[in-house]
């Protein structure tokens, strides 16, 4: 008796579900993609290498981490061999199709943005300090 009742209610449930989806105001084209919803790139990235002006600076840092949080903010934290430590904060956005990540941070009274390649779970940072090029690679462990 119970199985008959369940068998009768299942088609009705699917009919109501299809009707609700058809009549709803949802536009599938405007819905987010799976990576935008799950943010598989969020997490802590460790610095694999950092080179400034041709000199390898990797061993000069006991910690150099880039944390991408689910809420769209980032934290770049470091500890160097001289006992210095610090952290920088800001916002980020990822363009999965272009394989790029854009960081935006406040410096004084204005916001600055920098865009870097993000390929296969690695962030490649190239930034010019005066006449020296800083090249760093961050990856999830």
N, C-alpha and C. Protein backbone atom coordinates (compact mmCIF):
# COMPACT_ATOMS: atom_id res chain seq x y z
N UNK A 1 0.82 -1.18 0.00
CA UNK A 1 0.00 0.00 0.00
C UNK A 1 0.87 1.26 0.00
N UNK A 2 1.90 1.24 0.84
CA UNK A 2 2.81 2.38 0.95
C UNK A 2 3.61 2.57 -0.34
N UNK A 3 4.02 1.47 -0.97
CA UNK A 3 4.80 1.55 -2.20
C UNK A 3 3.96 2.14 -3.32
N UNK A 4 2.66 1.82 -3.38
CA UNK A 4 1.79 2.39 -4.40
C UNK A 4 1.67 3.89 -4.22
N UNK A 5 1.57 4.32 -2.98
CA UNK A 5 1.44 5.75 -2.69
C UNK A 5 2.72 6.49 -3.11
N UNK A 6 3.89 5.90 -2.82
CA UNK A 6 5.16 6.51 -3.20
C UNK A 6 5.30 6.56 -4.72
N UNK A 7 4.93 5.48 -5.38
CA UNK A 7 5.03 5.42 -6.85
C UNK A 7 4.13 6.45 -7.51
N UNK A 8 2.98 6.75 -6.91
CA UNK A 8 2.09 7.76 -7.46
C UNK A 8 2.60 9.17 -7.20
N UNK A 9 3.28 9.38 -6.07
CA UNK A 9 3.72 10.73 -5.70
C UNK A 9 5.01 11.15 -6.41
N UNK A 10 5.85 10.22 -6.81
CA UNK A 10 7.12 10.56 -7.46
C UNK A 10 6.89 11.28 -8.78
N UNK A 11 6.03 10.78 -9.69
CA UNK A 11 5.80 11.53 -10.94
C UNK A 11 5.19 12.91 -10.68
N UNK A 12 4.33 13.01 -9.70
CA UNK A 12 3.72 14.30 -9.38
C UNK A 12 4.79 15.27 -8.89
N UNK A 13 5.72 14.77 -8.06
CA UNK A 13 6.81 15.61 -7.56
C UNK A 13 7.65 16.15 -8.72
N UNK A 14 8.03 15.27 -9.65
CA UNK A 14 8.86 15.70 -10.79
C UNK A 14 8.09 16.65 -11.70
N UNK A 15 6.82 16.44 -11.86
CA UNK A 15 6.00 17.35 -12.65
C UNK A 15 5.97 18.74 -12.01
N UNK A 16 5.77 18.78 -10.71
CA UNK A 16 5.76 20.07 -10.00
C UNK A 16 7.13 20.74 -10.06
N UNK A 17 8.20 19.96 -9.95
CA UNK A 17 9.56 20.52 -10.02
C UNK A 17 9.82 21.11 -11.40
N UNK A 18 9.45 20.40 -12.46
CA UNK A 18 9.64 20.90 -13.82
C UNK A 18 8.80 22.16 -14.05
N UNK A 19 7.59 22.16 -13.54
CA UNK A 19 6.72 23.32 -13.68
C UNK A 19 7.31 24.53 -12.95
N UNK A 20 7.84 24.30 -11.76
CA UNK A 20 8.44 25.40 -10.99
C UNK A 20 9.66 25.96 -11.71
N UNK A 21 10.48 25.10 -12.25
CA UNK A 21 11.67 25.57 -12.97
C UNK A 21 11.30 26.30 -14.25
N UNK A 22 10.27 25.84 -14.91
CA UNK A 22 9.84 26.47 -16.16
C UNK A 22 9.24 27.85 -15.91
N UNK A 23 8.47 27.98 -14.87
CA UNK A 23 7.78 29.23 -14.59
C UNK A 23 8.57 30.20 -13.73
N UNK A 24 9.71 29.76 -13.22
CA UNK A 24 10.50 30.64 -12.34
C UNK A 24 11.17 31.73 -13.16
N UNK A 25 11.64 32.73 -12.45
CA UNK A 25 12.27 33.88 -13.11
C UNK A 25 13.76 33.65 -13.33
N UNK A 26 14.25 32.45 -13.14
CA UNK A 26 15.68 32.16 -13.29
C UNK A 26 16.06 32.17 -14.76
N UNK A 27 17.15 32.81 -15.05
CA UNK A 27 17.70 32.81 -16.40
C UNK A 27 19.00 32.02 -16.34
N UNK A 28 19.02 30.86 -16.98
CA UNK A 28 20.18 29.98 -16.91
C UNK A 28 21.44 30.68 -17.41
N UNK A 29 21.32 31.54 -18.39
CA UNK A 29 22.49 32.23 -18.95
C UNK A 29 23.12 33.17 -17.93
N UNK A 30 22.32 33.66 -16.98
CA UNK A 30 22.86 34.59 -15.99
C UNK A 30 23.34 33.91 -14.72
N UNK A 31 23.11 32.62 -14.61
CA UNK A 31 23.55 31.89 -13.42
C UNK A 31 25.06 31.76 -13.43
N UNK A 32 25.64 31.68 -12.25
CA UNK A 32 27.08 31.55 -12.12
C UNK A 32 27.54 30.18 -12.58
N UNK A 33 28.80 30.12 -13.00
CA UNK A 33 29.37 28.84 -13.38
C UNK A 33 29.81 28.11 -12.12
N UNK A 34 30.07 26.83 -12.25
CA UNK A 34 30.47 26.02 -11.10
C UNK A 34 31.73 26.55 -10.43
N UNK A 35 32.80 26.91 -11.16
CA UNK A 35 33.98 27.44 -10.48
C UNK A 35 33.71 28.75 -9.72
N UNK A 36 32.78 29.57 -10.24
CA UNK A 36 32.46 30.80 -9.53
C UNK A 36 31.76 30.50 -8.21
N UNK A 37 30.97 29.43 -8.19
CA UNK A 37 30.25 29.07 -6.98
C UNK A 37 31.14 28.36 -5.98
N UNK A 38 31.96 27.42 -6.46
CA UNK A 38 32.77 26.61 -5.55
C UNK A 38 34.12 27.24 -5.21
N UNK A 39 34.60 28.14 -6.04
CA UNK A 39 35.89 28.80 -5.87
C UNK A 39 37.00 27.80 -5.53
N UNK A 40 37.31 26.90 -6.47
CA UNK A 40 38.34 25.89 -6.21
C UNK A 40 39.72 26.49 -6.01
N UNK A 41 39.90 27.73 -6.39
CA UNK A 41 41.19 28.40 -6.25
C UNK A 41 41.38 29.00 -4.86
N UNK A 42 40.34 29.04 -4.03
CA UNK A 42 40.47 29.60 -2.68
C UNK A 42 41.32 28.67 -1.82
N UNK A 43 42.16 29.26 -1.00
CA UNK A 43 43.03 28.50 -0.11
C UNK A 43 44.35 29.22 0.09
N UNK A 44 45.30 28.53 0.70
CA UNK A 44 46.60 29.11 1.00
C UNK A 44 47.63 28.63 -0.03
N UNK A 45 48.29 29.58 -0.66
CA UNK A 45 49.33 29.32 -1.64
C UNK A 45 50.69 29.61 -1.00
N UNK A 46 51.60 28.69 -1.09
CA UNK A 46 52.95 28.86 -0.57
C UNK A 46 53.85 29.37 -1.69
N UNK A 47 54.81 30.20 -1.33
CA UNK A 47 55.74 30.72 -2.32
C UNK A 47 56.75 29.63 -2.66
N UNK A 48 56.80 29.26 -3.92
CA UNK A 48 57.78 28.27 -4.39
C UNK A 48 59.12 28.92 -4.65
N UNK A 49 59.07 30.14 -5.21
CA UNK A 49 60.32 30.85 -5.49
C UNK A 49 60.03 32.34 -5.58
N UNK A 50 61.03 33.11 -5.19
CA UNK A 50 60.94 34.57 -5.32
C UNK A 50 62.32 35.07 -5.72
N UNK A 51 62.36 35.78 -6.83
CA UNK A 51 63.63 36.28 -7.38
C UNK A 51 63.50 37.78 -7.57
N UNK A 52 64.45 38.52 -7.03
CA UNK A 52 64.44 39.98 -7.17
C UNK A 52 65.73 40.40 -7.87
N UNK A 53 65.58 40.96 -9.06
CA UNK A 53 66.73 41.43 -9.81
C UNK A 53 67.76 40.34 -10.10
N UNK A 54 67.28 39.12 -10.32
CA UNK A 54 68.17 38.01 -10.63
C UNK A 54 68.70 37.28 -9.40
N UNK A 55 68.45 37.79 -8.20
CA UNK A 55 68.93 37.15 -6.96
C UNK A 55 67.79 36.34 -6.34
N UNK A 56 68.07 35.07 -6.06
CA UNK A 56 67.07 34.20 -5.45
C UNK A 56 66.89 34.59 -3.98
N UNK A 57 65.69 35.01 -3.63
CA UNK A 57 65.39 35.46 -2.27
C UNK A 57 64.57 34.43 -1.49
N UNK A 58 64.35 33.27 -2.07
CA UNK A 58 63.47 32.26 -1.47
C UNK A 58 63.90 31.89 -0.06
N UNK A 59 65.18 31.67 0.14
CA UNK A 59 65.70 31.24 1.45
C UNK A 59 65.66 32.36 2.49
N UNK A 60 65.43 33.59 2.08
CA UNK A 60 65.40 34.73 3.01
C UNK A 60 64.06 34.84 3.74
N UNK A 61 63.08 34.03 3.32
CA UNK A 61 61.76 34.06 3.95
C UNK A 61 61.46 32.72 4.58
N UNK A 62 61.14 32.72 5.87
CA UNK A 62 60.72 31.48 6.52
C UNK A 62 59.25 31.20 6.22
N UNK A 63 58.52 32.28 5.88
CA UNK A 63 57.11 32.14 5.51
C UNK A 63 56.77 33.22 4.50
N UNK A 64 56.14 32.82 3.42
CA UNK A 64 55.63 33.76 2.43
C UNK A 64 54.40 33.10 1.80
N UNK A 65 53.22 33.47 2.33
CA UNK A 65 51.97 32.82 1.94
C UNK A 65 50.99 33.81 1.35
N UNK A 66 50.25 33.34 0.39
CA UNK A 66 49.16 34.11 -0.22
C UNK A 66 47.88 33.34 0.04
N UNK A 67 46.99 33.93 0.82
CA UNK A 67 45.72 33.28 1.14
C UNK A 67 44.60 33.94 0.35
N UNK A 68 43.91 33.14 -0.45
CA UNK A 68 42.74 33.60 -1.18
C UNK A 68 41.52 33.08 -0.43
N UNK A 69 40.73 33.99 0.11
CA UNK A 69 39.58 33.62 0.92
C UNK A 69 38.33 33.53 0.05
N UNK A 70 37.35 32.76 0.54
CA UNK A 70 36.11 32.55 -0.21
C UNK A 70 35.30 33.83 -0.38
N UNK A 71 35.49 34.81 0.49
CA UNK A 71 34.71 36.05 0.41
C UNK A 71 35.31 37.07 -0.56
N UNK A 72 36.35 36.68 -1.32
CA UNK A 72 36.93 37.58 -2.32
C UNK A 72 38.02 38.48 -1.78
N UNK A 73 38.51 38.19 -0.58
CA UNK A 73 39.63 38.97 -0.03
C UNK A 73 40.88 38.10 -0.01
N UNK A 74 42.03 38.76 0.04
CA UNK A 74 43.30 38.04 0.11
C UNK A 74 44.14 38.59 1.25
N UNK A 75 45.10 37.77 1.67
CA UNK A 75 46.11 38.20 2.65
C UNK A 75 47.45 37.66 2.19
N UNK A 76 48.42 38.53 2.07
CA UNK A 76 49.79 38.14 1.74
C UNK A 76 50.59 38.34 3.02
N UNK A 77 51.05 37.24 3.61
CA UNK A 77 51.78 37.33 4.88
C UNK A 77 53.19 36.80 4.71
N UNK A 78 54.11 37.40 5.47
CA UNK A 78 55.51 37.00 5.35
C UNK A 78 56.21 37.07 6.70
N UNK A 79 57.28 36.29 6.81
CA UNK A 79 58.25 36.35 7.90
C UNK A 79 59.60 36.18 7.24
N UNK A 80 60.51 37.13 7.51
CA UNK A 80 61.83 37.03 6.87
C UNK A 80 62.88 36.55 7.87
N UNK A 81 64.08 36.32 7.39
CA UNK A 81 65.15 35.77 8.23
C UNK A 81 65.67 36.77 9.26
N UNK A 82 65.33 38.04 9.12
CA UNK A 82 65.78 39.07 10.05
C UNK A 82 64.76 39.32 11.16
N UNK A 83 63.68 38.53 11.18
CA UNK A 83 62.66 38.68 12.21
C UNK A 83 61.51 39.60 11.82
N UNK A 84 61.57 40.15 10.65
CA UNK A 84 60.48 41.01 10.19
C UNK A 84 59.28 40.19 9.75
N UNK A 85 58.10 40.69 10.06
CA UNK A 85 56.89 40.04 9.61
C UNK A 85 55.85 41.09 9.27
N UNK A 86 54.93 40.70 8.43
CA UNK A 86 53.89 41.62 8.03
C UNK A 86 52.83 40.93 7.21
N UNK A 87 51.80 41.72 6.90
CA UNK A 87 50.68 41.19 6.14
C UNK A 87 50.05 42.32 5.34
N UNK A 88 49.67 42.00 4.12
CA UNK A 88 48.96 42.93 3.24
C UNK A 88 47.61 42.34 2.92
N UNK A 89 46.59 43.19 2.84
CA UNK A 89 45.23 42.74 2.59
C UNK A 89 44.63 43.47 1.41
N UNK A 90 43.62 42.88 0.83
CA UNK A 90 42.89 43.51 -0.25
C UNK A 90 41.84 42.57 -0.79
N UNK A 91 41.39 42.86 -1.99
CA UNK A 91 40.38 42.05 -2.67
C UNK A 91 40.99 41.41 -3.90
N UNK A 92 40.37 40.33 -4.35
CA UNK A 92 40.84 39.69 -5.58
C UNK A 92 39.64 39.23 -6.39
N UNK A 93 39.88 39.05 -7.67
CA UNK A 93 38.89 38.43 -8.55
C UNK A 93 39.64 37.56 -9.55
N UNK A 94 39.01 36.47 -9.93
CA UNK A 94 39.63 35.50 -10.83
C UNK A 94 38.83 35.43 -12.12
N UNK A 95 39.54 35.49 -13.23
CA UNK A 95 38.94 35.29 -14.55
C UNK A 95 39.45 33.94 -15.04
N UNK A 96 38.60 32.91 -14.88
CA UNK A 96 38.99 31.56 -15.22
C UNK A 96 39.26 31.35 -16.70
N UNK A 97 38.51 32.04 -17.54
CA UNK A 97 38.70 31.89 -18.98
C UNK A 97 40.04 32.47 -19.42
N UNK A 98 40.39 33.63 -18.90
CA UNK A 98 41.65 34.28 -19.27
C UNK A 98 42.81 33.77 -18.43
N UNK A 99 42.52 32.93 -17.42
CA UNK A 99 43.53 32.41 -16.49
C UNK A 99 44.32 33.56 -15.86
N UNK A 100 43.58 34.49 -15.26
CA UNK A 100 44.20 35.66 -14.61
C UNK A 100 43.56 35.89 -13.26
N UNK A 101 44.34 36.48 -12.38
CA UNK A 101 43.85 36.91 -11.08
C UNK A 101 44.21 38.38 -10.92
N UNK A 102 43.27 39.17 -10.43
CA UNK A 102 43.49 40.59 -10.22
C UNK A 102 43.40 40.89 -8.73
N UNK A 103 44.45 41.50 -8.20
CA UNK A 103 44.50 41.91 -6.81
C UNK A 103 44.28 43.41 -6.73
N UNK A 104 43.47 43.84 -5.80
CA UNK A 104 43.22 45.26 -5.57
C UNK A 104 43.48 45.55 -4.10
N UNK A 105 44.33 46.54 -3.85
CA UNK A 105 44.68 46.91 -2.47
C UNK A 105 44.71 48.42 -2.34
N UNK A 106 44.51 48.88 -1.14
CA UNK A 106 44.52 50.31 -0.86
C UNK A 106 45.94 50.73 -0.48
N UNK A 107 46.44 51.74 -1.17
CA UNK A 107 47.74 52.31 -0.83
C UNK A 107 47.52 53.81 -0.59
N UNK A 108 47.55 54.20 0.66
CA UNK A 108 47.28 55.59 0.99
C UNK A 108 45.83 55.92 0.74
N UNK A 109 45.59 56.85 -0.17
CA UNK A 109 44.21 57.29 -0.43
C UNK A 109 43.61 56.68 -1.69
N UNK A 110 44.36 55.83 -2.37
CA UNK A 110 43.83 55.27 -3.61
C UNK A 110 43.97 53.75 -3.64
N UNK A 111 43.18 53.15 -4.50
CA UNK A 111 43.25 51.71 -4.73
C UNK A 111 44.12 51.45 -5.95
N UNK A 112 44.94 50.42 -5.87
CA UNK A 112 45.73 50.00 -7.03
C UNK A 112 45.39 48.54 -7.32
N UNK A 113 45.42 48.20 -8.60
CA UNK A 113 45.11 46.83 -9.03
C UNK A 113 46.25 46.29 -9.89
N UNK A 114 46.52 45.02 -9.71
CA UNK A 114 47.53 44.33 -10.50
C UNK A 114 46.95 43.00 -10.94
N UNK A 115 47.17 42.66 -12.20
CA UNK A 115 46.67 41.41 -12.76
C UNK A 115 47.86 40.53 -13.12
N UNK A 116 47.75 39.25 -12.72
CA UNK A 116 48.83 38.29 -12.96
C UNK A 116 48.25 37.00 -13.51
N UNK A 117 49.07 36.22 -14.21
CA UNK A 117 48.61 34.91 -14.71
C UNK A 117 48.36 33.95 -13.55
N UNK A 118 47.33 33.14 -13.71
CA UNK A 118 47.01 32.08 -12.74
C UNK A 118 46.74 30.83 -13.56
N UNK A 119 47.73 29.95 -13.63
CA UNK A 119 47.67 28.80 -14.52
C UNK A 119 47.88 27.51 -13.72
N UNK A 120 46.94 26.59 -13.85
CA UNK A 120 47.04 25.26 -13.23
C UNK A 120 47.40 25.33 -11.75
N UNK A 121 46.70 26.16 -11.00
CA UNK A 121 46.90 26.24 -9.56
C UNK A 121 48.12 27.02 -9.11
N UNK A 122 48.73 27.76 -10.02
CA UNK A 122 49.90 28.57 -9.67
C UNK A 122 49.63 30.03 -10.04
N UNK A 123 50.11 30.92 -9.18
CA UNK A 123 50.02 32.35 -9.44
C UNK A 123 51.43 32.84 -9.75
N UNK A 124 51.60 33.47 -10.91
CA UNK A 124 52.89 33.98 -11.36
C UNK A 124 52.90 35.50 -11.23
N UNK A 125 53.74 36.01 -10.34
CA UNK A 125 53.80 37.45 -10.07
C UNK A 125 55.07 38.01 -10.71
N UNK A 126 54.89 38.99 -11.56
CA UNK A 126 56.00 39.76 -12.12
C UNK A 126 55.70 41.22 -11.84
N UNK A 127 56.57 41.86 -11.07
CA UNK A 127 56.35 43.24 -10.67
C UNK A 127 57.69 43.97 -10.65
N UNK A 128 57.71 45.18 -11.15
CA UNK A 128 58.95 45.94 -11.24
C UNK A 128 59.09 46.87 -10.03
N UNK A 129 60.20 46.69 -9.28
CA UNK A 129 60.59 47.59 -8.20
C UNK A 129 61.72 48.46 -8.72
N UNK A 130 61.40 49.65 -9.14
CA UNK A 130 62.42 50.51 -9.73
C UNK A 130 62.98 49.85 -10.98
N UNK A 131 64.27 49.54 -10.94
CA UNK A 131 64.90 48.89 -12.10
C UNK A 131 65.01 47.38 -11.93
N UNK A 132 64.52 46.85 -10.80
CA UNK A 132 64.61 45.41 -10.55
C UNK A 132 63.26 44.75 -10.75
N UNK A 133 63.30 43.57 -11.35
CA UNK A 133 62.09 42.80 -11.57
C UNK A 133 61.94 41.78 -10.44
N UNK A 134 60.75 41.77 -9.85
CA UNK A 134 60.41 40.77 -8.85
C UNK A 134 59.60 39.69 -9.55
N UNK A 135 60.06 38.46 -9.44
CA UNK A 135 59.35 37.33 -10.01
C UNK A 135 59.09 36.32 -8.88
N UNK A 136 57.81 36.01 -8.65
CA UNK A 136 57.47 35.06 -7.61
C UNK A 136 56.43 34.07 -8.14
N UNK A 137 56.50 32.85 -7.63
CA UNK A 137 55.54 31.81 -8.01
C UNK A 137 54.93 31.26 -6.72
N UNK A 138 53.59 31.31 -6.67
CA UNK A 138 52.86 30.78 -5.53
C UNK A 138 52.05 29.59 -6.00
N UNK A 139 52.00 28.52 -5.17
CA UNK A 139 51.24 27.33 -5.52
C UNK A 139 50.64 26.72 -4.26
N UNK A 140 49.53 26.02 -4.46
CA UNK A 140 48.95 25.29 -3.33
C UNK A 140 49.79 24.05 -3.07
N UNK A 141 50.05 23.79 -1.80
CA UNK A 141 50.86 22.59 -1.49
C UNK A 141 50.15 21.29 -1.78
